[in-house]
Amino acid sequence: MRKHKSSVSEATSYKEIGEFWDAHDLSEFWDKTREASFEVDIKSEVTYYAVDKMLSEKIQAIAQKRGVPADTLINLWVQEKLQEQRAS
């Protein structure tokens, strides 16, 4: 195992790395950086449910009034209802 967890700070623990970067700016060490290449494959799983048109219009109106997307509002409501169900 390597003695240092970070080649820039030469820290030996994640705590020391954090403390180092709290006190320093990356621009001071830019010449010590190297290009990194990696792939990110983030997939959000979505399930769709049919909602009555009139109900959908009411949801849209409430969401707009609250300044949130309708899907966010619905997710919040479902989470609240599930918590109520767990409590009972």
Protein backbone atom coordinates (compact mmCIF):
# COMPACT_ATOMS: atom_id res chain seq x y z
CA MET A 1 0.00 0.00 0.00
CA ARG A 2 1.22 3.49 -0.80
CA LYS A 3 2.47 5.58 2.05
CA HIS A 4 0.77 8.73 0.73
CA LYS A 5 -2.89 8.81 -0.27
CA SER A 6 -2.31 11.98 -2.30
CA SER A 7 0.65 12.84 -4.48
CA VAL A 8 0.02 16.59 -4.26
CA SER A 9 -0.55 17.05 -0.55
CA GLU A 10 1.55 14.02 0.46
CA ALA A 11 -1.12 13.39 3.09
CA THR A 12 -1.43 9.95 4.66
CA SER A 13 -5.13 10.13 5.52
CA TYR A 14 -8.30 11.46 3.94
CA LYS A 15 -8.64 13.87 6.85
CA GLU A 16 -5.21 15.34 6.07
CA ILE A 17 -6.13 15.61 2.39
CA GLY A 18 -9.26 17.56 3.34
CA GLU A 19 -7.31 19.86 5.64
CA PHE A 20 -4.71 20.44 2.91
CA TRP A 21 -7.32 21.45 0.33
CA ASP A 22 -9.12 23.64 2.87
CA ALA A 23 -5.90 25.65 3.11
CA HIS A 24 -4.77 25.54 -0.55
CA ASP A 25 -6.09 26.32 -4.01
CA LEU A 26 -5.79 23.94 -6.97
CA SER A 27 -4.32 26.73 -9.09
CA GLU A 28 -1.20 26.56 -6.91
CA PHE A 29 -0.64 22.95 -8.06
CA TRP A 30 -2.09 22.97 -11.58
CA ASP A 31 1.26 21.92 -13.08
CA LYS A 32 1.18 18.74 -10.96
CA THR A 33 -2.20 17.62 -12.29
CA ARG A 34 -2.66 15.17 -15.14
CA GLU A 35 -5.52 14.51 -17.48
CA ALA A 36 -8.05 11.97 -16.26
CA SER A 37 -10.37 9.93 -18.41
CA PHE A 38 -13.38 8.07 -17.08
CA GLU A 39 -16.88 7.07 -18.07
CA VAL A 40 -19.98 7.89 -16.10
CA ASP A 41 -23.09 5.83 -16.71
CA ILE A 42 -25.83 7.30 -14.57
CA LYS A 43 -29.26 5.95 -15.28
CA SER A 44 -32.27 7.16 -13.40
CA GLU A 45 -35.00 4.59 -13.33
CA VAL A 46 -38.42 6.04 -14.02
CA THR A 47 -41.78 4.30 -13.80
CA TYR A 48 -44.80 5.89 -15.43
CA TYR A 49 -48.35 5.70 -14.10
CA ALA A 50 -51.49 6.81 -15.87
CA VAL A 51 -53.19 9.85 -14.32
CA ASP A 52 -56.67 11.06 -15.19
CA LYS A 53 -56.55 14.17 -17.41
CA MET A 54 -58.53 16.36 -15.00
CA LEU A 55 -56.38 15.21 -12.09
CA SER A 56 -53.26 15.93 -14.14
CA GLU A 57 -54.45 19.48 -14.85
CA LYS A 58 -55.02 20.08 -11.13
CA ILE A 59 -51.58 18.71 -10.30
CA GLN A 60 -49.99 20.96 -12.94
CA ALA A 61 -51.77 24.02 -11.51
CA ILE A 62 -50.66 23.26 -7.94
CA ALA A 63 -47.10 22.53 -9.06
CA GLN A 64 -46.94 25.79 -11.00
CA LYS A 65 -48.27 27.72 -8.00
CA ARG A 66 -45.56 26.15 -5.81
CA GLY A 67 -42.86 26.68 -8.43
CA VAL A 68 -41.89 23.03 -8.77
CA PRO A 69 -42.18 20.52 -11.63
CA ALA A 70 -45.28 18.34 -11.49
CA ASP A 71 -43.23 15.13 -11.23
CA THR A 72 -41.38 16.53 -8.20
CA LEU A 73 -44.68 17.44 -6.54
CA ILE A 74 -46.12 13.98 -7.20
CA ASN A 75 -42.99 12.29 -5.83
CA LEU A 76 -43.19 14.40 -2.66
CA TRP A 77 -46.86 13.55 -2.20
CA VAL A 78 -46.25 9.83 -2.72
CA GLN A 79 -43.35 9.89 -0.24
CA GLU A 80 -45.56 11.64 2.34
CA LYS A 81 -48.33 9.09 1.83
CA LEU A 82 -45.91 6.17 2.15
CA GLN A 83 -44.56 7.61 5.41
CA GLU A 84 -48.13 7.92 6.71
CA GLN A 85 -48.77 4.28 5.78
CA ARG A 86 -45.63 3.14 7.62
CA ALA A 87 -46.64 5.09 10.71
CA SER A 88 -50.08 3.47 10.90
